[in-house]
C-alpha atoms as a PDB file:
ATOM      1  CA  MET A   1      68.975  97.884 100.425  1.00  0.00           C
ATOM      2  CA  SER A   2      71.575  95.140 100.141  1.00  0.00           C
ATOM      3  CA  HIS A   3      74.453  97.690 100.508  1.00  0.00           C
ATOM      4  CA  LEU A   4      73.013  99.135 103.548  1.00  0.00           C
ATOM      5  CA  SER A   5      72.718  95.557 105.126  1.00  0.00           C
ATOM      6  CA  ALA A   6      76.268  94.705 103.990  1.00  0.00           C
ATOM      7  CA  VAL A   7      77.674  97.989 105.666  1.00  0.00           C
ATOM      8  CA  ARG A   8      75.587  97.216 108.682  1.00  0.00           C
ATOM      9  CA  ARG A   9      77.042  93.690 108.988  1.00  0.00           C
ATOM     10  CA  LEU A  10      80.587  95.042 108.500  1.00  0.00           C
ATOM     11  CA  ILE A  11      80.104  97.566 111.147  1.00  0.00           C
ATOM     12  CA  ASN A  12      78.708  94.943 113.634  1.00  0.00           C
ATOM     13  CA  LYS A  13      81.626  92.673 112.813  1.00  0.00           C
ATOM     14  CA  LEU A  14      84.109  95.471 113.442  1.00  0.00           C
ATOM     15  CA  HIS A  15      82.262  96.424 116.725  1.00  0.00           C
ATOM     16  CA  ARG A  16      82.591  92.857 118.020  1.00  0.00           C
ATOM     17  CA  ASP A  17      86.275  92.530 117.206  1.00  0.00           C
ATOM     18  CA  GLU A  18      88.288  93.027 120.438  1.00  0.00           C
ATOM     19  CA  ARG A  19      91.770  92.314 119.115  1.00  0.00           C
ATOM     20  CA  GLY A  20      92.906  95.964 119.242  1.00  0.00           C
ATOM     21  CA  ALA A  21      91.588  96.623 122.758  1.00  0.00           C
ATOM     22  CA  VAL A  22      94.376  94.844 124.431  1.00  0.00           C
ATOM     23  CA  SER A  23      97.009  96.745 122.447  1.00  0.00           C
ATOM     24  CA  LEU A  24      95.325 100.034 123.075  1.00  0.00           C
ATOM     25  CA  GLU A  25      95.098  99.316 126.928  1.00  0.00           C
ATOM     26  CA  THR A  26      98.780  98.224 126.981  1.00  0.00           C
ATOM     27  CA  ILE A  27      99.674 101.603 125.090  1.00  0.00           C
ATOM     28  CA  LEU A  28      97.709 103.585 127.655  1.00  0.00           C
ATOM     29  CA  ILE A  29      99.404 101.896 130.598  1.00  0.00           C
ATOM     30  CA  ILE A  30     102.861 102.461 129.246  1.00  0.00           C
ATOM     31  CA  GLY A  31     101.888 106.009 128.504  1.00  0.00           C
ATOM     32  CA  ALA A  32     100.670 106.457 132.112  1.00  0.00           C
ATOM     33  CA  ILE A  33     103.960 105.205 133.446  1.00  0.00           C
ATOM     34  CA  ALA A  34     106.219 107.034 130.935  1.00  0.00           C
ATOM     35  CA  LEU A  35     104.704 110.445 131.070  1.00  0.00           C
ATOM     36  CA  PRO A  36     105.449 111.225 134.780  1.00  0.00           C
ATOM     37  CA  ILE A  37     109.001 109.964 134.347  1.00  0.00           C
ATOM     38  CA  LEU A  38     109.483 112.012 131.271  1.00  0.00           C
ATOM     39  CA  ILE A  39     108.175 115.130 132.965  1.00  0.00           C
ATOM     40  CA  PHE A  40     110.458 114.469 135.962  1.00  0.00           C
ATOM     41  CA  VAL A  41     113.460 114.112 133.711  1.00  0.00           C
ATOM     42  CA  VAL A  42     112.668 117.138 131.691  1.00  0.00           C
ATOM     43  CA  ARG A  43     111.980 119.210 134.758  1.00  0.00           C
ATOM     44  CA  TYR A  44     114.859 118.234 137.088  1.00  0.00           C
ATOM     45  CA  GLY A  45     117.326 116.282 135.076  1.00  0.00           C
ATOM     46  CA  TRP A  46     117.541 118.327 131.981  1.00  0.00           C
ATOM     47  CA  PRO A  47     119.401 121.347 133.589  1.00  0.00           C
ATOM     48  CA  ARG A  48     121.980 118.917 135.058  1.00  0.00           C
ATOM     49  CA  VAL A  49     122.435 117.243 131.647  1.00  0.00           C
ATOM     50  CA  ARG A  50     122.679 120.524 129.827  1.00  0.00           C
ATOM     51  CA  ASN A  51     125.267 121.916 132.382  1.00  0.00           C
ATOM     52  CA  TYR A  52     127.306 118.762 131.975  1.00  0.00           C
ATOM     53  CA  PHE A  53     127.528 119.128 128.262  1.00  0.00           C
ATOM     54  CA  TYR A  54     128.129 122.804 128.403  1.00  0.00           C
ATOM     55  CA  LYS A  55     131.006 122.200 130.891  1.00  0.00           C
ATOM     56  CA  GLY A  56     132.361 119.533 128.469  1.00  0.00           C
ATOM     57  CA  MET A  57     132.156 121.916 125.439  1.00  0.00           C
ATOM     58  CA  THR A  58     133.926 124.737 127.560  1.00  0.00           C
ATOM     59  CA  ASP A  59     136.681 122.417 128.601  1.00  0.00           C
ATOM     60  CA  LEU A  60     137.120 121.080 124.974  1.00  0.00           C
ATOM     61  CA  GLU A  61     137.203 124.734 123.530  1.00  0.00           C
ATOM     62  CA  GLN A  62     139.872 125.650 126.271  1.00  0.00           C
ATOM     63  CA  SER A  63     141.974 122.541 125.431  1.00  0.00           C
ATOM     64  CA  SER A  64     141.706 123.514 121.711  1.00  0.00           C
ATOM     65  CA  ASP A  65     142.868 126.955 122.298  1.00  0.00           C
ATOM     66  CA  LYS A  66     145.870 125.726 124.282  1.00  0.00           C
ATOM     67  CA  VAL A  67     146.798 123.266 121.403  1.00  0.00           C
ATOM     68  CA  SER A  68     146.519 125.923 118.817  1.00  0.00           C
ATOM     69  CA  ASN A  69     148.613 128.403 120.860  1.00  0.00           C
ATOM     70  CA  GLY A  70     151.327 125.844 121.387  1.00  0.00           C
ATOM     71  CA  GLN A  71     150.994 125.378 125.085  1.00  0.00           C
END
């Protein structure tokens, strides 16, 4: 019986402890702000970023071909 009461006291102590609640609320608020921004960037910004890098790689390849051909 003493083990059961010790476990019950531990559970009650854990239940009354609210230190993690503030951290959890902060994480949820940050997630609620960051998720729509991330969705917007992936949806609308990513194609522009991808095209920018593809253009850069194409320009680099063309420049590299010119250098190797002696132009």
